[in-house]
Protein backbone atom coordinates (compact mmCIF):
# COMPACT_ATOMS: atom_id res chain seq x y z
CA UNK A 1 -12.77 9.20 22.24
CA UNK A 2 -11.29 12.08 20.23
CA UNK A 3 -12.49 14.61 17.67
CA UNK A 4 -10.62 14.74 14.37
CA UNK A 5 -12.55 17.63 12.88
CA UNK A 6 -16.02 18.96 12.23
CA UNK A 7 -18.03 17.16 9.53
CA UNK A 8 -19.66 19.48 7.02
CA UNK A 9 -23.44 19.15 6.93
CA UNK A 10 -24.76 17.24 3.91
CA UNK A 11 -21.40 15.85 2.78
CA UNK A 12 -20.54 12.15 2.62
CA UNK A 13 -20.40 10.98 6.21
CA UNK A 14 -19.28 7.44 5.35
CA UNK A 15 -16.52 5.97 7.52
CA UNK A 16 -14.86 2.56 7.69
CA UNK A 17 -12.13 1.05 9.88
CA UNK A 18 -9.07 -0.82 8.60
CA UNK A 19 -9.00 -4.49 9.68
CA UNK A 20 -6.07 -3.79 12.03
CA UNK A 21 -7.85 -0.82 13.65
CA UNK A 22 -5.01 1.59 12.82
CA UNK A 23 -6.88 3.72 10.29
CA UNK A 24 -10.31 5.13 9.50
CA UNK A 25 -11.20 6.02 5.92
CA UNK A 26 -13.96 8.52 5.19
CA UNK A 27 -15.48 10.62 2.43
CA UNK A 28 -16.65 13.30 4.86
CA UNK A 29 -15.77 16.92 4.14
CA UNK A 30 -13.73 17.88 7.19
CA UNK A 31 -12.85 21.14 8.89
CA UNK A 32 -9.70 20.42 10.90
CA UNK A 33 -8.94 22.21 14.20
CA UNK A 34 -6.22 24.29 12.48
CA UNK A 35 -8.82 25.64 10.01
CA UNK A 36 -7.80 23.42 7.07
CA UNK A 37 -10.77 22.39 4.89
CA UNK A 38 -10.68 18.96 3.25
CA UNK A 39 -13.60 18.92 0.83
CA UNK A 40 -14.26 16.32 -1.85
CA UNK A 41 -11.51 13.94 -0.74
CA UNK A 42 -11.20 10.38 0.46
CA UNK A 43 -9.40 10.97 3.78
CA UNK A 44 -7.56 8.56 6.05
CA UNK A 45 -7.27 9.18 9.78
CA UNK A 46 -4.43 7.56 11.72
CA UNK A 47 -6.09 6.51 15.00
CA UNK A 48 -2.81 6.68 16.97
CA UNK A 49 -1.60 10.12 15.84
CA UNK A 50 -4.98 11.60 14.77
CA UNK A 51 -3.26 12.77 11.57
CA UNK A 52 -5.61 13.18 8.60
CA UNK A 53 -4.24 12.35 5.14
CA UNK A 54 -6.21 13.33 2.02
CA UNK A 55 -5.63 10.38 -0.34
CA UNK A 56 -7.54 11.18 -3.53
CA UNK A 57 -10.42 13.42 -4.68
CA UNK A 58 -13.56 11.30 -4.97
CA UNK A 59 -15.23 13.58 -7.56
CA UNK A 60 -18.69 12.26 -6.81
CA UNK A 61 -21.98 14.11 -6.82
CA UNK A 62 -24.01 13.20 -3.75
CA UNK A 63 -27.60 12.54 -4.76
CA UNK A 64 -30.48 10.88 -2.93
CA UNK A 65 -29.41 7.64 -4.60
CA UNK A 66 -26.87 5.93 -2.28
CA UNK A 67 -25.09 4.41 -5.30
CA UNK A 68 -23.62 7.86 -6.03
CA UNK A 69 -22.04 8.11 -2.57
CA UNK A 70 -18.36 7.25 -2.20
CA UNK A 71 -18.67 4.62 0.59
CA UNK A 72 -14.89 4.13 0.93
CA UNK A 73 -13.41 0.98 2.49
CA UNK A 74 -9.96 -0.58 2.86
CA UNK A 75 -8.45 -3.63 1.17
CA UNK A 76 -7.71 -6.45 3.67
CA UNK A 77 -4.15 -5.19 4.26
CA UNK A 78 -5.13 -1.48 4.33
CA UNK A 79 -2.90 -0.59 1.37
CA UNK A 80 -5.71 0.32 -1.03
CA UNK A 81 -9.08 2.06 -0.77
CA UNK A 82 -12.06 1.16 -2.95
CA UNK A 83 -14.80 3.77 -3.46
CA UNK A 84 -17.69 4.76 -5.74
CA UNK A 85 -17.72 7.92 -7.84
CA UNK A 86 -19.94 9.61 -10.39
CA UNK A 87 -16.94 11.23 -12.10
CA UNK A 88 -17.66 9.02 -15.13
CA UNK A 89 -21.32 10.10 -15.23
CA UNK A 90 -24.19 10.43 -12.76
CA UNK A 91 -26.30 7.75 -14.43
CA UNK A 92 -23.79 4.99 -13.73
CA UNK A 93 -21.37 5.44 -10.79
CA UNK A 94 -18.11 3.54 -11.18
CA UNK A 95 -15.89 1.80 -8.62
CA UNK A 96 -12.33 3.08 -8.21
CA UNK A 97 -9.28 1.88 -6.30
CA UNK A 98 -6.69 4.26 -4.83
CA UNK A 99 -3.31 3.28 -3.41
CA UNK A 100 -3.01 4.45 0.21
CA UNK A 101 0.39 2.99 1.04
CA UNK A 102 2.79 0.41 -0.36
CA UNK A 103 2.42 -3.15 0.94
CA UNK A 104 4.93 -4.48 3.46
CA UNK A 105 8.20 -5.69 2.02
CA UNK A 106 10.07 -8.87 2.91
CA UNK A 107 11.35 -8.90 6.49
CA UNK A 108 15.02 -9.00 7.53
CA UNK A 109 16.67 -10.15 4.29
CA UNK A 110 20.11 -11.69 4.76
CA UNK A 111 22.71 -12.48 2.11
CA UNK A 112 24.70 -15.72 2.43
CA UNK A 113 27.50 -16.68 0.06
CA UNK A 114 27.82 -20.37 -0.66
CA UNK A 115 29.26 -22.83 -3.14
CA UNK A 116 26.01 -22.79 -5.12
CA UNK A 117 26.03 -18.97 -5.39
CA UNK A 118 24.66 -16.04 -3.45
CA UNK A 119 21.56 -16.86 -1.42
CA UNK A 120 19.25 -14.12 -0.19
CA UNK A 121 16.94 -15.26 2.61
CA UNK A 122 14.03 -13.31 4.12
CA UNK A 123 11.02 -13.71 6.38
CA UNK A 124 7.50 -13.46 4.97
CA UNK A 125 5.80 -10.09 5.54
CA UNK A 126 2.38 -9.96 7.19
CA UNK A 127 0.18 -9.55 4.14
CA UNK A 128 -3.21 -10.88 3.18
CA UNK A 129 -2.56 -10.21 -0.51
CA UNK A 130 0.94 -11.65 -1.04
CA UNK A 131 1.35 -13.43 -4.38
CA UNK A 132 5.14 -13.69 -4.38
CA UNK A 133 8.37 -11.74 -4.63
CA UNK A 134 10.70 -10.15 -7.16
CA UNK A 135 14.45 -10.56 -6.58
CA UNK A 136 16.82 -7.98 -8.09
CA UNK A 137 20.58 -8.11 -8.66
CA UNK A 138 22.28 -4.75 -8.05
CA UNK A 139 25.38 -3.99 -10.14
CA UNK A 140 28.30 -1.71 -9.22
CA UNK A 141 26.52 1.34 -10.70
CA UNK A 142 23.46 0.71 -8.50
CA UNK A 143 21.26 -0.53 -11.35
CA UNK A 144 18.69 -3.16 -10.33
CA UNK A 145 17.87 -6.03 -12.70
CA UNK A 146 15.06 -8.49 -11.94
CA UNK A 147 16.49 -12.02 -11.82
CA UNK A 148 13.70 -14.10 -10.28
CA UNK A 149 10.07 -14.20 -9.12
CA UNK A 150 9.67 -16.74 -6.30
CA UNK A 151 6.09 -17.50 -5.25
CA UNK A 152 4.66 -16.60 -1.82
CA UNK A 153 5.69 -19.94 -0.27
CA UNK A 154 9.39 -19.28 -0.93
CA UNK A 155 11.57 -17.26 1.45
CA UNK A 156 14.92 -17.52 -0.33
CA UNK A 157 16.50 -17.28 -3.77
CA UNK A 158 19.89 -18.45 -5.07
CA UNK A 159 21.78 -16.46 -7.72
CA UNK A 160 24.64 -18.42 -9.28
CA UNK A 161 26.21 -15.17 -10.51
CA UNK A 162 29.18 -13.98 -8.48
CA UNK A 163 29.59 -10.40 -9.68
CA UNK A 164 26.68 -8.68 -7.91
CA UNK A 165 27.28 -5.68 -5.66
CA UNK A 166 24.08 -6.47 -3.81
CA UNK A 167 20.51 -7.71 -4.02
CA UNK A 168 17.02 -6.44 -3.34
CA UNK A 169 13.78 -8.31 -2.82
CA UNK A 170 10.27 -6.84 -3.03
CA UNK A 171 6.86 -8.32 -2.30
CA UNK A 172 4.30 -8.67 -5.13
CA UNK A 173 0.52 -8.61 -4.56
CA UNK A 174 -2.25 -10.44 -6.42
CA UNK A 175 -3.47 -7.02 -7.59
CA UNK A 176 -0.13 -6.39 -9.32
CA UNK A 177 1.12 -3.89 -6.73
CA UNK A 178 4.70 -4.09 -5.48
CA UNK A 179 5.83 -3.55 -1.90
CA UNK A 180 8.86 -1.77 -0.61
CA UNK A 181 12.10 -3.47 -1.63
CA UNK A 182 14.71 -4.39 0.92
CA UNK A 183 18.30 -4.11 -0.29
CA UNK A 184 21.28 -6.08 0.98
CA UNK A 185 24.91 -5.64 -0.02
CA UNK A 186 26.86 -8.69 -1.19
CA UNK A 187 29.52 -7.78 1.42
CA UNK A 188 27.12 -8.78 4.21
CA UNK A 189 27.62 -12.46 3.46
CA UNK A 190 31.40 -12.28 3.08
C-alpha cells in the first residue's frame, strides 16, 4: 500500500482502476507530498511509479445529487476517460470523454520488397478497440500520404508503387482515434 497524496475534504473522492491494473483515475482534489495542489482535475495515477498526471479539468459543481459528480472511468484499453460534468449547466450534467494516451500502434512492422510491390507486414497490437489500420507511403521529402485502410483482421498491405522512401502504419479505433504510427524505411527490405 502507498499514499499518493492527501484527499481534500468534500471534493470528489471517486476512483476507478484501469482493466490492466496499471492506472487509477480519480476526480479527487489532491495535495501531493511536494505541496502541489491538483484541484478540479481528472487525475491519473500510475500504480508502478506513483506519478500523478492531471488529464483534464472536470469543471463540475459537486452537489448532493450524485449525477453532478464526475465519476471518472477508463475505456477498455485505458486510452480514454469518460466522466460527468455540470460545465454545460447544473440542471443537466453531460458526459465527456478525454484522451489519456494514444492507443498502441502496430507491432514490429517489417518491409519486404517483392515482385508484386512493397509489402509492409506487422503484428496486431493488444487493443480492445481496434477497428483497422491506416497505411502511409512516405516520399523523399518525408511527406506521408495515406494509401490504404486495411481492417483489423489484416496484418499486411502491398503497395505496387516502387518510388516510396518508406512506409508507416497506424492503428485506428472504433471511436475514430488513431494510434502511434510505426515507420519503416524502404531500404529495410532491400
